[in-house]
Structure formats: C-alpha cells, structure tokens
Amino acid sequence: MAKEIWKTLLSTHQGNIQVKDNKIDLLVQQYEQTIILEDKFIDNAFSRFNTIITSLKALHEGYSNKNYVRKFLRALHPKWRETVMTIEESKDLTSLLLDELIGNLKVHKVKSNLVMKKVLLSRVKTKNTPWRLDTSREEVGIENIGVSQTLWIHQAMTILVYHINYPSTSEKPPLVP
C-alpha cells in the first residue's frame, strides 16, 4: 500500500517517464546553452545556473562538481577570460566547489572595482595632468586589467578631466592632439 502511494506521489510530482525525460532534456539543453552576459551580476548568474543543476539533481540526472565548475567558467562573458585563466592555473578544478568559484569571482570583481576607483581618484587629484592613452598600466597601478577596461578608464578619465577643467558649459575645451 505504501509503495503504491509513493509511486503515485512520484508520478504526480515528476510526471510519467516521458514527462520526466522531457524535463531532463529541457534542463540539459538549458545547462549546455548557459551563457552569462556582461551586464549580469555573478549572484544572478549563479542563481540561474544553480536552479538548473538542482532541478537536474532532483530528477536524478546531473554532472560532477568538476563539470559544473568548468561549465560555469566557460559560460562567463569574455571580459572574465583573464580571471578564468588565473583561476584555472591557480586552483585545482577537480576539487574546487562551485560556491568557492563564485566567491573567487566576487573577490576579483571587488578588487577590480577598487583598482578602477584608485585610478580614477589618482587622475582626479592630478587634474592638471592630462589623461593619455599612452600612459603605461604600471604607471597608474593597473597592470592586471584588460585592454577593454583600459579603454573604459580612458573614456571615463577624459570626461572627468573635461568636467574638472571646464565646469562651465560656456567655455570651449582646447583641441587635443
């Protein structure tokens, strides 16, 4: 009697074999097609990814933790490539837990934001020094950031220096060679 009730509950919750297989196929497809867009926060991406893998586990389908970690690293936006390579070289991915990976990515994001703030503040403090694209990364203490981040910093600094030197909209900026 209890066994029959349990089977009924399982089929009600999970559906019959065909429904269960279709759910698994859909979740596997979502898992394989997971990508993390540049503007998404790591927490949001992890939450979506974790929902997929938890659902797979509930249906007795899943992958190894190593596979989850590697998949999450592959799904990250290309702006994370330098960080991904660092993690792959410095960590043992076979024993790295997904939660640890997320923690490492969050720490990197915080450090990256602090470096950018440091650069911006150092440039604002020296407002008479024009921001040059040819300024070396070492000169401003940003050796470990990518080219796209350097260009973003250049654009932000150009705007900041402009507003510091020309607070009034009536003044025209000099032409920059």
C-alpha atoms as a PDB file:
ATOM      1  CA  MET A   1       0.000   0.000   0.000  1.00  0.00           C
ATOM      2  CA  ALA A   2       2.737   2.499   0.983  1.00  0.00           C
ATOM      3  CA  LYS A   3       4.706   1.586  -2.121  1.00  0.00           C
ATOM      4  CA  GLU A   4       1.714   2.344  -4.354  1.00  0.00           C
ATOM      5  CA  ILE A   5       1.158   5.701  -2.651  1.00  0.00           C
ATOM      6  CA  TRP A   6       4.843   6.558  -3.105  1.00  0.00           C
ATOM      7  CA  LYS A   7       4.671   5.697  -6.836  1.00  0.00           C
ATOM      8  CA  THR A   8       1.555   7.829  -7.180  1.00  0.00           C
ATOM      9  CA  LEU A   9       3.242  10.750  -5.455  1.00  0.00           C
ATOM     10  CA  LEU A  10       6.324  10.391  -7.672  1.00  0.00           C
ATOM     11  CA  SER A  11       4.330  10.275 -10.889  1.00  0.00           C
ATOM     12  CA  THR A  12       2.215  13.234  -9.716  1.00  0.00           C
ATOM     13  CA  HIS A  13       5.280  15.283  -8.805  1.00  0.00           C
ATOM     14  CA  GLN A  14       7.653  14.230 -11.580  1.00  0.00           C
ATOM     15  CA  GLY A  15       5.161  13.031 -14.180  1.00  0.00           C
ATOM     16  CA  ASN A  16       5.382   9.759 -16.043  1.00  0.00           C
ATOM     17  CA  ILE A  17       8.610   8.544 -17.645  1.00  0.00           C
ATOM     18  CA  GLN A  18       8.025  10.503 -20.843  1.00  0.00           C
ATOM     19  CA  VAL A  19       7.348  13.772 -18.962  1.00  0.00           C
ATOM     20  CA  LYS A  20      10.401  13.187 -16.767  1.00  0.00           C
ATOM     21  CA  ASP A  21      12.592  12.555 -19.820  1.00  0.00           C
ATOM     22  CA  ASN A  22      11.287  15.716 -21.497  1.00  0.00           C
ATOM     23  CA  LYS A  23      12.029  17.751 -18.351  1.00  0.00           C
ATOM     24  CA  ILE A  24      15.546  16.300 -18.240  1.00  0.00           C
ATOM     25  CA  ASP A  25      16.087  17.072 -21.942  1.00  0.00           C
ATOM     26  CA  LEU A  26      14.935  20.665 -21.436  1.00  0.00           C
ATOM     27  CA  LEU A  27      17.145  21.153 -18.368  1.00  0.00           C
ATOM     28  CA  VAL A  28      20.176  19.592 -20.085  1.00  0.00           C
ATOM     29  CA  GLN A  29      19.624  21.938 -23.026  1.00  0.00           C
ATOM     30  CA  GLN A  30      19.415  24.928 -20.661  1.00  0.00           C
ATOM     31  CA  TYR A  31      22.566  23.711 -18.890  1.00  0.00           C
ATOM     32  CA  GLU A  32      24.508  23.320 -22.132  1.00  0.00           C
ATOM     33  CA  GLN A  33      23.359  26.675 -23.511  1.00  0.00           C
ATOM     34  CA  THR A  34      24.040  28.657 -20.354  1.00  0.00           C
ATOM     35  CA  ILE A  35      25.828  31.921 -21.068  1.00  0.00           C
ATOM     36  CA  ILE A  36      26.472  34.792 -18.710  1.00  0.00           C
ATOM     37  CA  LEU A  37      26.050  38.210 -20.232  1.00  0.00           C
ATOM     38  CA  GLU A  38      28.470  41.004 -19.420  1.00  0.00           C
ATOM     39  CA  ASP A  39      25.959  43.121 -17.552  1.00  0.00           C
ATOM     40  CA  LYS A  40      24.726  40.304 -15.322  1.00  0.00           C
ATOM     41  CA  PHE A  41      25.812  40.089 -11.725  1.00  0.00           C
ATOM     42  CA  ILE A  42      27.624  36.919 -10.689  1.00  0.00           C
ATOM     43  CA  ASP A  43      24.997  36.248  -7.989  1.00  0.00           C
ATOM     44  CA  ASN A  44      22.166  36.348 -10.528  1.00  0.00           C
ATOM     45  CA  ALA A  45      24.031  34.124 -12.971  1.00  0.00           C
ATOM     46  CA  PHE A  46      24.899  31.658 -10.216  1.00  0.00           C
ATOM     47  CA  SER A  47      21.292  31.603  -9.038  1.00  0.00           C
ATOM     48  CA  ARG A  48      20.025  30.745 -12.534  1.00  0.00           C
ATOM     49  CA  PHE A  49      22.762  28.133 -13.021  1.00  0.00           C
ATOM     50  CA  ASN A  50      22.132  26.625  -9.589  1.00  0.00           C
ATOM     51  CA  THR A  51      18.388  26.334 -10.316  1.00  0.00           C
ATOM     52  CA  ILE A  52      19.161  24.291 -13.431  1.00  0.00           C
ATOM     53  CA  ILE A  53      21.601  21.926 -11.714  1.00  0.00           C
ATOM     54  CA  THR A  54      19.353  21.500  -8.661  1.00  0.00           C
ATOM     55  CA  SER A  55      16.427  20.625 -10.915  1.00  0.00           C
ATOM     56  CA  LEU A  56      18.587  18.089 -12.748  1.00  0.00           C
ATOM     57  CA  LYS A  57      19.661  16.525  -9.454  1.00  0.00           C
ATOM     58  CA  ALA A  58      16.015  16.315  -8.320  1.00  0.00           C
ATOM     59  CA  LEU A  59      15.292  14.261 -11.439  1.00  0.00           C
ATOM     60  CA  HIS A  60      18.289  12.010 -10.660  1.00  0.00           C
ATOM     61  CA  GLU A  61      20.244  13.452 -13.548  1.00  0.00           C
ATOM     62  CA  GLY A  62      23.338  15.531 -13.169  1.00  0.00           C
ATOM     63  CA  TYR A  63      27.004  16.029 -13.690  1.00  0.00           C
ATOM     64  CA  SER A  64      30.069  16.052 -11.472  1.00  0.00           C
ATOM     65  CA  ASN A  65      31.010  19.140  -9.484  1.00  0.00           C
ATOM     66  CA  LYS A  66      34.122  19.468 -11.691  1.00  0.00           C
ATOM     67  CA  ASN A  67      31.827  19.617 -14.723  1.00  0.00           C
ATOM     68  CA  TYR A  68      29.687  22.325 -13.085  1.00  0.00           C
ATOM     69  CA  VAL A  69      32.745  24.450 -12.318  1.00  0.00           C
ATOM     70  CA  ARG A  70      34.170  24.082 -15.833  1.00  0.00           C
ATOM     71  CA  LYS A  71      30.798  24.832 -17.424  1.00  0.00           C
ATOM     72  CA  PHE A  72      30.311  27.970 -15.318  1.00  0.00           C
ATOM     73  CA  LEU A  73      33.805  29.190 -16.260  1.00  0.00           C
ATOM     74  CA  ARG A  74      33.110  28.573 -19.969  1.00  0.00           C
ATOM     75  CA  ALA A  75      29.758  30.369 -19.716  1.00  0.00           C
ATOM     76  CA  LEU A  76      31.275  33.595 -18.387  1.00  0.00           C
ATOM     77  CA  HIS A  77      31.404  36.639 -20.655  1.00  0.00           C
ATOM     78  CA  PRO A  78      34.751  37.139 -22.465  1.00  0.00           C
ATOM     79  CA  LYS A  79      35.593  40.088 -20.203  1.00  0.00           C
ATOM     80  CA  TRP A  80      36.220  37.464 -17.494  1.00  0.00           C
ATOM     81  CA  ARG A  81      38.781  35.483 -19.573  1.00  0.00           C
ATOM     82  CA  GLU A  82      41.836  36.777 -17.720  1.00  0.00           C
ATOM     83  CA  THR A  83      40.254  35.884 -14.391  1.00  0.00           C
ATOM     84  CA  VAL A  84      39.179  32.475 -15.692  1.00  0.00           C
ATOM     85  CA  MET A  85      42.726  31.720 -16.852  1.00  0.00           C
ATOM     86  CA  THR A  86      44.113  32.775 -13.479  1.00  0.00           C
ATOM     87  CA  ILE A  87      41.659  30.527 -11.638  1.00  0.00           C
ATOM     88  CA  GLU A  88      42.367  27.599 -13.972  1.00  0.00           C
ATOM     89  CA  GLU A  89      46.108  27.977 -13.387  1.00  0.00           C
ATOM     90  CA  SER A  90      45.982  28.572  -9.641  1.00  0.00           C
ATOM     91  CA  LYS A  91      43.176  26.261  -8.490  1.00  0.00           C
ATOM     92  CA  ASP A  92      42.631  22.526  -8.694  1.00  0.00           C
ATOM     93  CA  LEU A  93      39.368  22.440 -10.653  1.00  0.00           C
ATOM     94  CA  THR A  94      38.762  18.807  -9.725  1.00  0.00           C
ATOM     95  CA  SER A  95      38.319  19.751  -6.075  1.00  0.00           C
ATOM     96  CA  LEU A  96      37.083  23.355  -6.423  1.00  0.00           C
ATOM     97  CA  LEU A  97      33.472  23.683  -5.310  1.00  0.00           C
ATOM     98  CA  LEU A  98      31.065  25.840  -7.274  1.00  0.00           C
ATOM     99  CA  ASP A  99      30.467  28.012  -4.188  1.00  0.00           C
ATOM    100  CA  GLU A 100      34.223  28.600  -3.854  1.00  0.00           C
ATOM    101  CA  LEU A 101      34.420  29.577  -7.518  1.00  0.00           C
ATOM    102  CA  ILE A 102      31.625  32.103  -7.074  1.00  0.00           C
ATOM    103  CA  GLY A 103      33.431  33.523  -4.030  1.00  0.00           C
ATOM    104  CA  ASN A 104      36.657  33.877  -6.039  1.00  0.00           C
ATOM    105  CA  LEU A 105      34.817  35.659  -8.851  1.00  0.00           C
ATOM    106  CA  LYS A 106      33.159  38.067  -6.404  1.00  0.00           C
ATOM    107  CA  VAL A 107      36.520  38.863  -4.789  1.00  0.00           C
ATOM    108  CA  HIS A 108      38.007  39.557  -8.223  1.00  0.00           C
ATOM    109  CA  LYS A 109      35.099  41.877  -9.069  1.00  0.00           C
ATOM    110  CA  VAL A 110      35.560  43.828  -5.820  1.00  0.00           C
ATOM    111  CA  LYS A 111      39.327  44.127  -6.376  1.00  0.00           C
ATOM    112  CA  SER A 112      38.774  45.210  -9.963  1.00  0.00           C
ATOM    113  CA  ASN A 113      36.347  47.922  -8.836  1.00  0.00           C
ATOM    114  CA  LEU A 114      38.826  49.124  -6.203  1.00  0.00           C
ATOM    115  CA  VAL A 115      41.612  49.383  -8.791  1.00  0.00           C
ATOM    116  CA  MET A 116      39.354  51.392 -11.092  1.00  0.00           C
ATOM    117  CA  LYS A 117      38.394  53.724  -8.252  1.00  0.00           C
ATOM    118  CA  LYS A 118      42.062  54.126  -7.352  1.00  0.00           C
ATOM    119  CA  VAL A 119      42.918  55.051 -10.930  1.00  0.00           C
ATOM    120  CA  LEU A 120      40.043  57.479 -11.214  1.00  0.00           C
ATOM    121  CA  LEU A 121      40.868  59.146  -7.902  1.00  0.00           C
ATOM    122  CA  SER A 122      44.564  59.423  -8.730  1.00  0.00           C
ATOM    123  CA  ARG A 123      43.705  61.114 -12.018  1.00  0.00           C
ATOM    124  CA  VAL A 124      41.182  63.476 -10.442  1.00  0.00           C
ATOM    125  CA  LYS A 125      43.739  64.527  -7.817  1.00  0.00           C
ATOM    126  CA  THR A 126      46.208  65.395 -10.582  1.00  0.00           C
ATOM    127  CA  LYS A 127      43.715  67.269 -12.725  1.00  0.00           C
ATOM    128  CA  ASN A 128      46.418  69.313 -14.444  1.00  0.00           C
ATOM    129  CA  THR A 129      47.977  66.125 -15.817  1.00  0.00           C
ATOM    130  CA  PRO A 130      46.125  65.192 -18.978  1.00  0.00           C
ATOM    131  CA  TRP A 131      44.969  61.603 -19.290  1.00  0.00           C
ATOM    132  CA  ARG A 132      46.912  59.998 -22.079  1.00  0.00           C
ATOM    133  CA  LEU A 133      46.079  56.733 -23.791  1.00  0.00           C
ATOM    134  CA  ASP A 134      49.812  56.003 -23.929  1.00  0.00           C
ATOM    135  CA  THR A 135      50.143  56.169 -20.130  1.00  0.00           C
ATOM    136  CA  SER A 136      51.544  52.811 -19.107  1.00  0.00           C
ATOM    137  CA  ARG A 137      49.462  50.492 -16.978  1.00  0.00           C
ATOM    138  CA  GLU A 138      52.279  50.174 -14.471  1.00  0.00           C
ATOM    139  CA  GLU A 139      52.430  53.978 -14.180  1.00  0.00           C
ATOM    140  CA  VAL A 140      48.881  54.083 -12.819  1.00  0.00           C
ATOM    141  CA  GLY A 141      48.959  50.745 -10.975  1.00  0.00           C
ATOM    142  CA  ILE A 142      46.675  48.730 -13.226  1.00  0.00           C
ATOM    143  CA  GLU A 143      48.994  46.077 -14.646  1.00  0.00           C
ATOM    144  CA  ASN A 144      46.452  43.266 -14.426  1.00  0.00           C
ATOM    145  CA  ILE A 145      43.445  44.666 -16.271  1.00  0.00           C
ATOM    146  CA  GLY A 146      42.460  44.104 -19.882  1.00  0.00           C
ATOM    147  CA  VAL A 147      42.576  46.411 -22.872  1.00  0.00           C
ATOM    148  CA  SER A 148      38.801  46.981 -22.887  1.00  0.00           C
ATOM    149  CA  GLN A 149      38.928  48.031 -19.221  1.00  0.00           C
ATOM    150  CA  THR A 150      41.852  50.362 -20.001  1.00  0.00           C
ATOM    151  CA  LEU A 151      39.866  51.995 -22.805  1.00  0.00           C
ATOM    152  CA  TRP A 152      36.865  52.369 -20.498  1.00  0.00           C
ATOM    153  CA  ILE A 153      39.089  54.043 -17.898  1.00  0.00           C
ATOM    154  CA  HIS A 154      40.476  56.335 -20.612  1.00  0.00           C
ATOM    155  CA  GLN A 155      36.976  57.403 -21.638  1.00  0.00           C
ATOM    156  CA  ALA A 156      35.881  57.935 -18.037  1.00  0.00           C
ATOM    157  CA  MET A 157      39.004  59.960 -17.267  1.00  0.00           C
ATOM    158  CA  THR A 158      38.571  62.112 -20.359  1.00  0.00           C
ATOM    159  CA  ILE A 159      35.062  63.008 -19.225  1.00  0.00           C
ATOM    160  CA  LEU A 160      36.168  63.634 -15.621  1.00  0.00           C
ATOM    161  CA  VAL A 161      39.111  65.821 -16.605  1.00  0.00           C
ATOM    162  CA  TYR A 162      36.894  67.758 -19.008  1.00  0.00           C
ATOM    163  CA  HIS A 163      34.332  68.461 -16.269  1.00  0.00           C
ATOM    164  CA  ILE A 164      37.017  69.410 -13.756  1.00  0.00           C
ATOM    165  CA  ASN A 165      38.807  71.785 -16.125  1.00  0.00           C
ATOM    166  CA  TYR A 166      35.665  73.153 -17.809  1.00  0.00           C
ATOM    167  CA  PRO A 167      32.859  73.175 -15.244  1.00  0.00           C
ATOM    168  CA  SER A 168      31.037  75.930 -17.091  1.00  0.00           C
ATOM    169  CA  THR A 169      29.331  74.897 -20.318  1.00  0.00           C
ATOM    170  CA  SER A 170      30.152  78.280 -21.883  1.00  0.00           C
ATOM    171  CA  GLU A 171      33.891  77.520 -22.052  1.00  0.00           C
ATOM    172  CA  LYS A 172      35.197  75.595 -25.007  1.00  0.00           C
ATOM    173  CA  PRO A 173      37.801  72.859 -24.450  1.00  0.00           C
ATOM    174  CA  PRO A 174      41.128  73.129 -26.240  1.00  0.00           C
ATOM    175  CA  LEU A 175      41.751  70.780 -29.135  1.00  0.00           C
ATOM    176  CA  VAL A 176      43.647  67.698 -28.015  1.00  0.00           C
ATOM    177  CA  PRO A 177      46.258  66.420 -30.489  1.00  0.00           C
END
